[in-house]
């Protein structure tokens, strides 16, 4: 197990690459979710304006 975690002496590079990849993926997921909810909020506000084309 220790040999696996050591990654043949490249542990710093390997684990930092994994960590950075995880951070970027999480940032993309969270950013997309926030943009989605922001867009929904703006569409709801636009739909509730006087004179909007609601049925």
PDB file of N, CA and C in Angstrom:
ATOM      1  N   UNK A   1       0.829  -1.197   0.000  1.00  0.00           N
ATOM      2  CA  UNK A   1       0.000   0.000   0.000  1.00  0.00           C
ATOM      3  C   UNK A   1       0.872   1.259   0.000  1.00  0.00           C
ATOM      4  N   UNK A   2       1.942   1.202   0.761  1.00  0.00           N
ATOM      5  CA  UNK A   2       2.852   2.343   0.828  1.00  0.00           C
ATOM      6  C   UNK A   2       3.483   2.621  -0.533  1.00  0.00           C
ATOM      7  N   UNK A   3       3.832   1.552  -1.247  1.00  0.00           N
ATOM      8  CA  UNK A   3       4.409   1.731  -2.589  1.00  0.00           C
ATOM      9  C   UNK A   3       3.408   2.381  -3.540  1.00  0.00           C
ATOM     10  N   UNK A   4       2.147   1.999  -3.408  1.00  0.00           N
ATOM     11  CA  UNK A   4       1.112   2.595  -4.261  1.00  0.00           C
ATOM     12  C   UNK A   4       0.982   4.085  -3.971  1.00  0.00           C
ATOM     13  N   UNK A   5       0.933   4.452  -2.694  1.00  0.00           N
ATOM     14  CA  UNK A   5       0.780   5.863  -2.335  1.00  0.00           C
ATOM     15  C   UNK A   5       2.020   6.676  -2.683  1.00  0.00           C
ATOM     16  N   UNK A   6       3.190   6.039  -2.675  1.00  0.00           N
ATOM     17  CA  UNK A   6       4.436   6.732  -3.008  1.00  0.00           C
ATOM     18  C   UNK A   6       4.558   6.977  -4.508  1.00  0.00           C
ATOM     19  N   UNK A   7       3.877   6.171  -5.325  1.00  0.00           N
ATOM     20  CA  UNK A   7       3.857   6.315  -6.786  1.00  0.00           C
ATOM     21  C   UNK A   7       5.261   6.333  -7.383  1.00  0.00           C
ATOM     22  N   UNK A   8       6.120   5.483  -6.883  1.00  0.00           N
ATOM     23  CA  UNK A   8       7.466   5.358  -7.447  1.00  0.00           C
ATOM     24  C   UNK A   8       8.300   6.618  -7.311  1.00  0.00           C
ATOM     25  N   UNK A   9       8.067   7.398  -6.284  1.00  0.00           N
ATOM     26  CA  UNK A   9       8.829   8.625  -6.071  1.00  0.00           C
ATOM     27  C   UNK A   9       8.201   9.858  -6.693  1.00  0.00           C
ATOM     28  N   UNK A  10       7.108   9.684  -7.388  1.00  0.00           N
ATOM     29  CA  UNK A  10       6.442  10.803  -8.049  1.00  0.00           C
ATOM     30  C   UNK A  10       5.144  11.198  -7.341  1.00  0.00           C
ATOM     31  N   UNK A  11       5.018  10.844  -6.086  1.00  0.00           N
ATOM     32  CA  UNK A  11       3.762  11.054  -5.354  1.00  0.00           C
ATOM     33  C   UNK A  11       3.338  12.526  -5.348  1.00  0.00           C
ATOM     34  N   UNK A  12       4.269  13.424  -5.132  1.00  0.00           N
ATOM     35  CA  UNK A  12       3.915  14.850  -5.087  1.00  0.00           C
ATOM     36  C   UNK A  12       3.254  15.287  -6.386  1.00  0.00           C
ATOM     37  N   UNK A  13       3.834  14.897  -7.507  1.00  0.00           N
ATOM     38  CA  UNK A  13       3.294  15.298  -8.808  1.00  0.00           C
ATOM     39  C   UNK A  13       1.974  14.606  -9.113  1.00  0.00           C
ATOM     40  N   UNK A  14       1.914  13.303  -8.827  1.00  0.00           N
ATOM     41  CA  UNK A  14       0.713  12.530  -9.145  1.00  0.00           C
ATOM     42  C   UNK A  14      -0.463  12.990  -8.301  1.00  0.00           C
ATOM     43  N   UNK A  15      -0.277  13.077  -6.976  1.00  0.00           N
ATOM     44  CA  UNK A  15      -1.397  13.437  -6.101  1.00  0.00           C
ATOM     45  C   UNK A  15      -1.802  14.896  -6.274  1.00  0.00           C
ATOM     46  N   UNK A  16      -0.840  15.772  -6.574  1.00  0.00           N
ATOM     47  CA  UNK A  16      -1.232  17.162  -6.830  1.00  0.00           C
ATOM     48  C   UNK A  16      -2.016  17.267  -8.140  1.00  0.00           C
ATOM     49  N   UNK A  17      -1.677  16.451  -9.131  1.00  0.00           N
ATOM     50  CA  UNK A  17      -2.441  16.441 -10.386  1.00  0.00           C
ATOM     51  C   UNK A  17      -3.855  15.923 -10.148  1.00  0.00           C
ATOM     52  N   UNK A  18      -3.985  14.856  -9.351  1.00  0.00           N
ATOM     53  CA  UNK A  18      -5.316  14.352  -9.007  1.00  0.00           C
ATOM     54  C   UNK A  18      -6.119  15.411  -8.256  1.00  0.00           C
ATOM     55  N   UNK A  19      -5.478  16.073  -7.299  1.00  0.00           N
ATOM     56  CA  UNK A  19      -6.161  17.103  -6.515  1.00  0.00           C
ATOM     57  C   UNK A  19      -6.605  18.272  -7.372  1.00  0.00           C
ATOM     58  N   UNK A  20      -5.735  18.738  -8.248  1.00  0.00           N
ATOM     59  CA  UNK A  20      -6.081  19.852  -9.124  1.00  0.00           C
ATOM     60  C   UNK A  20      -7.210  19.474 -10.074  1.00  0.00           C
ATOM     61  N   UNK A  21      -7.173  18.249 -10.592  1.00  0.00           N
ATOM     62  CA  UNK A  21      -8.246  17.774 -11.464  1.00  0.00           C
ATOM     63  C   UNK A  21      -9.570  17.759 -10.723  1.00  0.00           C
ATOM     64  N   UNK A  22      -9.568  17.291  -9.487  1.00  0.00           N
ATOM     65  CA  UNK A  22     -10.783  17.259  -8.679  1.00  0.00           C
ATOM     66  C   UNK A  22     -11.316  18.666  -8.433  1.00  0.00           C
ATOM     67  N   UNK A  23     -10.434  19.606  -8.134  1.00  0.00           N
ATOM     68  CA  UNK A  23     -10.854  20.991  -7.900  1.00  0.00           C
ATOM     69  C   UNK A  23     -11.483  21.584  -9.160  1.00  0.00           C
ATOM     70  N   UNK A  24     -10.866  21.359 -10.308  1.00  0.00           N
ATOM     71  CA  UNK A  24     -11.396  21.897 -11.566  1.00  0.00           C
ATOM     72  C   UNK A  24     -12.749  21.276 -11.896  1.00  0.00           C
ATOM     73  N   UNK A  25     -12.885  19.963 -11.720  1.00  0.00           N
ATOM     74  CA  UNK A  25     -14.165  19.308 -11.985  1.00  0.00           C
ATOM     75  C   UNK A  25     -15.262  19.834 -11.067  1.00  0.00           C
ATOM     76  N   UNK A  26     -14.958  19.972  -9.782  1.00  0.00           N
ATOM     77  CA  UNK A  26     -15.952  20.499  -8.845  1.00  0.00           C
ATOM     78  C   UNK A  26     -16.323  21.938  -9.180  1.00  0.00           C
ATOM     79  N   UNK A  27     -15.337  22.750  -9.558  1.00  0.00           N
ATOM     80  CA  UNK A  27     -15.623  24.136  -9.928  1.00  0.00           C
ATOM     81  C   UNK A  27     -16.531  24.190 -11.153  1.00  0.00           C
ATOM     82  N   UNK A  28     -16.305  23.319 -12.125  1.00  0.00           N
ATOM     83  CA  UNK A  28     -17.162  23.276 -13.315  1.00  0.00           C
ATOM     84  C   UNK A  28     -18.579  22.852 -12.969  1.00  0.00           C
ATOM     85  N   UNK A  29     -18.721  21.853 -12.120  1.00  0.00           N
ATOM     86  CA  UNK A  29     -20.049  21.380 -11.732  1.00  0.00           C
ATOM     87  C   UNK A  29     -20.795  22.451 -10.947  1.00  0.00           C
ATOM     88  N   UNK A  30     -20.129  23.057  -9.974  1.00  0.00           N
ATOM     89  CA  UNK A  30     -20.769  24.090  -9.156  1.00  0.00           C
ATOM     90  C   UNK A  30     -21.097  25.314 -10.002  1.00  0.00           C
ATOM     91  N   UNK A  31     -20.185  25.716 -10.878  1.00  0.00           N
ATOM     92  CA  UNK A  31     -20.434  26.867 -11.746  1.00  0.00           C
ATOM     93  C   UNK A  31     -21.607  26.643 -12.680  1.00  0.00           C
ATOM     94  N   UNK A  32     -21.692  25.456 -13.259  1.00  0.00           N
ATOM     95  CA  UNK A  32     -22.810  25.143 -14.157  1.00  0.00           C
ATOM     96  C   UNK A  32     -24.126  25.141 -13.394  1.00  0.00           C
ATOM     97  N   UNK A  33     -24.125  24.601 -12.187  1.00  0.00           N
ATOM     98  CA  UNK A  33     -25.341  24.574 -11.372  1.00  0.00           C
ATOM     99  C   UNK A  33     -25.792  25.992 -11.017  1.00  0.00           C
ATOM    100  N   UNK A  34     -24.857  26.840 -10.663  1.00  0.00           N
ATOM    101  CA  UNK A  34     -25.207  28.233 -10.334  1.00  0.00           C
ATOM    102  C   UNK A  34     -25.746  28.977 -11.553  1.00  0.00           C
ATOM    103  N   UNK A  35     -25.117  28.775 -12.711  1.00  0.00           N
ATOM    104  CA  UNK A  35     -25.611  29.426 -13.929  1.00  0.00           C
ATOM    105  C   UNK A  35     -26.998  28.925 -14.295  1.00  0.00           C
ATOM    106  N   UNK A  36     -27.241  27.646 -14.124  1.00  0.00           N
ATOM    107  CA  UNK A  36     -28.552  27.065 -14.415  1.00  0.00           C
ATOM    108  C   UNK A  36     -29.622  27.703 -13.537  1.00  0.00           C
ATOM    109  N   UNK A  37     -29.366  27.772 -12.233  1.00  0.00           N
ATOM    110  CA  UNK A  37     -30.354  28.341 -11.325  1.00  0.00           C
ATOM    111  C   UNK A  37     -30.516  29.847 -11.533  1.00  0.00           C
ATOM    112  N   UNK A  38     -29.446  30.524 -11.883  1.00  0.00           N
ATOM    113  CA  UNK A  38     -29.532  31.950 -12.180  1.00  0.00           C
ATOM    114  C   UNK A  38     -30.385  32.194 -13.420  1.00  0.00           C
ATOM    115  N   UNK A  39     -30.210  31.365 -14.432  1.00  0.00           N
ATOM    116  CA  UNK A  39     -31.010  31.488 -15.651  1.00  0.00           C
ATOM    117  C   UNK A  39     -32.478  31.222 -15.367  1.00  0.00           C
ATOM    118  N   UNK A  40     -32.764  30.191 -14.581  1.00  0.00           N
ATOM    119  CA  UNK A  40     -34.155  29.915 -14.211  1.00  0.00           C
ATOM    120  C   UNK A  40     -34.777  31.086 -13.461  1.00  0.00           C
ATOM    121  N   UNK A  41     -34.015  31.662 -12.534  1.00  0.00           N
ATOM    122  CA  UNK A  41     -34.511  32.796 -11.756  1.00  0.00           C
ATOM    123  C   UNK A  41     -34.824  33.980 -12.667  1.00  0.00           C
ATOM    124  N   UNK A  42     -33.921  34.270 -13.628  1.00  0.00           N
ATOM    125  CA  UNK A  42     -34.165  35.380 -14.550  1.00  0.00           C
ATOM    126  C   UNK A  42     -35.371  35.122 -15.440  1.00  0.00           C
ATOM    127  N   UNK A  43     -35.538  33.877 -15.889  1.00  0.00           N
ATOM    128  CA  UNK A  43     -36.696  33.550 -16.723  1.00  0.00           C
ATOM    129  C   UNK A  43     -37.998  33.675 -15.944  1.00  0.00           C
ATOM    130  N   UNK A  44     -37.988  33.259 -14.684  1.00  0.00           N
ATOM    131  CA  UNK A  44     -39.196  33.401 -13.863  1.00  0.00           C
ATOM    132  C   UNK A  44     -39.538  34.869 -13.644  1.00  0.00           C
ATOM    133  N   UNK A  45     -38.522  35.682 -13.390  1.00  0.00           N
ATOM    134  CA  UNK A  45     -38.771  37.113 -13.204  1.00  0.00           C
ATOM    135  C   UNK A  45     -39.318  37.735 -14.482  1.00  0.00           C
ATOM    136  N   UNK A  46     -38.762  37.343 -15.619  1.00  0.00           N
ATOM    137  CA  UNK A  46     -39.228  37.870 -16.897  1.00  0.00           C
ATOM    138  C   UNK A  46     -40.664  37.422 -17.172  1.00  0.00           C
ATOM    139  N   UNK A  47     -40.995  36.188 -16.825  1.00  0.00           N
ATOM    140  CA  UNK A  47     -42.346  35.668 -17.066  1.00  0.00           C
ATOM    141  C   UNK A  47     -43.373  36.349 -16.170  1.00  0.00           C
ATOM    142  N   UNK A  48     -42.954  36.818 -15.003  1.00  0.00           N
ATOM    143  CA  UNK A  48     -43.888  37.444 -14.066  1.00  0.00           C
ATOM    144  C   UNK A  48     -44.029  38.946 -14.271  1.00  0.00           C
ATOM    145  N   UNK A  49     -43.328  39.509 -15.236  1.00  0.00           N
ATOM    146  CA  UNK A  49     -43.449  40.940 -15.512  1.00  0.00           C
ATOM    147  C   UNK A  49     -44.818  41.243 -16.099  1.00  0.00           C
ATOM    148  N   UNK A  50     -45.311  42.434 -15.830  1.00  0.00           N
ATOM    149  CA  UNK A  50     -46.562  42.838 -16.493  1.00  0.00           C
ATOM    150  C   UNK A  50     -46.339  42.903 -18.006  1.00  0.00           C
ATOM    151  N   UNK A  51     -47.292  42.399 -18.746  1.00  0.00           N
ATOM    152  CA  UNK A  51     -47.198  42.417 -20.195  1.00  0.00           C
ATOM    153  C   UNK A  51     -46.468  41.226 -20.776  1.00  0.00           C
ATOM    154  N   UNK A  52     -46.064  40.278 -19.930  1.00  0.00           N
ATOM    155  CA  UNK A  52     -45.403  39.090 -20.475  1.00  0.00           C
ATOM    156  C   UNK A  52     -46.447  38.199 -21.136  1.00  0.00           C
ATOM    157  N   UNK A  53     -46.003  37.311 -21.970  1.00  0.00           N
ATOM    158  CA  UNK A  53     -46.914  36.480 -22.758  1.00  0.00           C
ATOM    159  C   UNK A  53     -47.256  35.196 -22.011  1.00  0.00           C
ATOM    160  N   UNK A  54     -47.985  35.314 -20.929  1.00  0.00           N
ATOM    161  CA  UNK A  54     -48.414  34.132 -20.188  1.00  0.00           C
ATOM    162  C   UNK A  54     -49.823  33.761 -20.588  1.00  0.00           C
ATOM    163  N   UNK A  55     -50.140  32.488 -20.496  1.00  0.00           N
ATOM    164  CA  UNK A  55     -51.494  32.025 -20.816  1.00  0.00           C
ATOM    165  C   UNK A  55     -52.374  32.103 -19.595  1.00  0.00           C
TER     166      UNK A  55
END
